[in-house]
């Protein structure tokens, strides 16, 4: 990559924005997974309780 090009700021900003978006998606996915696992555990516990 040529850092002396006129558009280097745009390229760096584009990479930074892409990285932030991907990091946000990963964090959201992991958070949703954690929430759903807890919900499954709760439902499984309720299902196993004798009535």
C-alpha atoms as a PDB file:
ATOM      1  CA  UNK A   1       0.000   0.000   0.000  1.00  0.00           C
ATOM      2  CA  UNK A   2       1.360   3.388  -0.977  1.00  0.00           C
ATOM      3  CA  UNK A   3       1.062   5.706   2.042  1.00  0.00           C
ATOM      4  CA  UNK A   4       1.976   8.748  -0.028  1.00  0.00           C
ATOM      5  CA  UNK A   5      -1.181   8.542  -2.164  1.00  0.00           C
ATOM      6  CA  UNK A   6      -3.792  11.293  -1.918  1.00  0.00           C
ATOM      7  CA  UNK A   7      -6.545   8.902  -0.882  1.00  0.00           C
ATOM      8  CA  UNK A   8      -4.670   7.073   1.893  1.00  0.00           C
ATOM      9  CA  UNK A   9      -6.893   8.712   4.548  1.00  0.00           C
ATOM     10  CA  UNK A  10      -9.998   7.333   2.876  1.00  0.00           C
ATOM     11  CA  UNK A  11      -8.503   3.845   2.684  1.00  0.00           C
ATOM     12  CA  UNK A  12      -7.482   3.860   6.351  1.00  0.00           C
ATOM     13  CA  UNK A  13     -10.886   5.205   7.395  1.00  0.00           C
ATOM     14  CA  UNK A  14     -12.608   2.505   5.337  1.00  0.00           C
ATOM     15  CA  UNK A  15     -10.556  -0.248   6.961  1.00  0.00           C
ATOM     16  CA  UNK A  16     -11.213   1.219  10.417  1.00  0.00           C
ATOM     17  CA  UNK A  17     -14.951   1.434   9.803  1.00  0.00           C
ATOM     18  CA  UNK A  18     -15.018  -2.127   8.486  1.00  0.00           C
ATOM     19  CA  UNK A  19     -13.116  -3.352  11.541  1.00  0.00           C
ATOM     20  CA  UNK A  20     -15.526  -1.559  13.895  1.00  0.00           C
ATOM     21  CA  UNK A  21     -18.576  -2.971  12.110  1.00  0.00           C
ATOM     22  CA  UNK A  22     -17.205  -6.506  12.194  1.00  0.00           C
ATOM     23  CA  UNK A  23     -16.270  -6.163  15.867  1.00  0.00           C
ATOM     24  CA  UNK A  24     -19.798  -4.920  16.602  1.00  0.00           C
ATOM     25  CA  UNK A  25     -21.349  -7.860  14.771  1.00  0.00           C
ATOM     26  CA  UNK A  26     -19.138 -10.321  16.626  1.00  0.00           C
ATOM     27  CA  UNK A  27     -19.979  -8.763  19.997  1.00  0.00           C
ATOM     28  CA  UNK A  28     -23.700  -8.732  19.185  1.00  0.00           C
ATOM     29  CA  UNK A  29     -23.581 -12.373  18.064  1.00  0.00           C
ATOM     30  CA  UNK A  30     -21.733 -13.497  21.181  1.00  0.00           C
ATOM     31  CA  UNK A  31     -24.133 -11.550  23.388  1.00  0.00           C
ATOM     32  CA  UNK A  32     -27.145 -13.082  21.690  1.00  0.00           C
ATOM     33  CA  UNK A  33     -25.610 -16.551  22.002  1.00  0.00           C
ATOM     34  CA  UNK A  34     -25.028 -16.030  25.710  1.00  0.00           C
ATOM     35  CA  UNK A  35     -28.603 -14.809  26.206  1.00  0.00           C
ATOM     36  CA  UNK A  36     -30.098 -17.733  24.256  1.00  0.00           C
ATOM     37  CA  UNK A  37     -27.984 -20.295  26.130  1.00  0.00           C
ATOM     38  CA  UNK A  38     -29.207 -18.895  29.444  1.00  0.00           C
ATOM     39  CA  UNK A  39     -32.797 -19.042  28.186  1.00  0.00           C
ATOM     40  CA  UNK A  40     -32.374 -22.660  27.080  1.00  0.00           C
ATOM     41  CA  UNK A  41     -30.897 -23.581  30.459  1.00  0.00           C
ATOM     42  CA  UNK A  42     -33.811 -21.913  32.241  1.00  0.00           C
ATOM     43  CA  UNK A  43     -36.372 -23.697  30.069  1.00  0.00           C
ATOM     44  CA  UNK A  44     -34.581 -27.006  30.485  1.00  0.00           C
ATOM     45  CA  UNK A  45     -34.567 -26.578  34.260  1.00  0.00           C
ATOM     46  CA  UNK A  46     -38.279 -25.775  34.257  1.00  0.00           C
ATOM     47  CA  UNK A  47     -39.013 -28.794  32.092  1.00  0.00           C
ATOM     48  CA  UNK A  48     -37.127 -31.192  34.391  1.00  0.00           C
ATOM     49  CA  UNK A  49     -38.854 -30.048  37.593  1.00  0.00           C
ATOM     50  CA  UNK A  50     -41.397 -32.572  38.852  1.00  0.00           C
ATOM     51  CA  UNK A  51     -44.924 -31.230  38.858  1.00  0.00           C
END
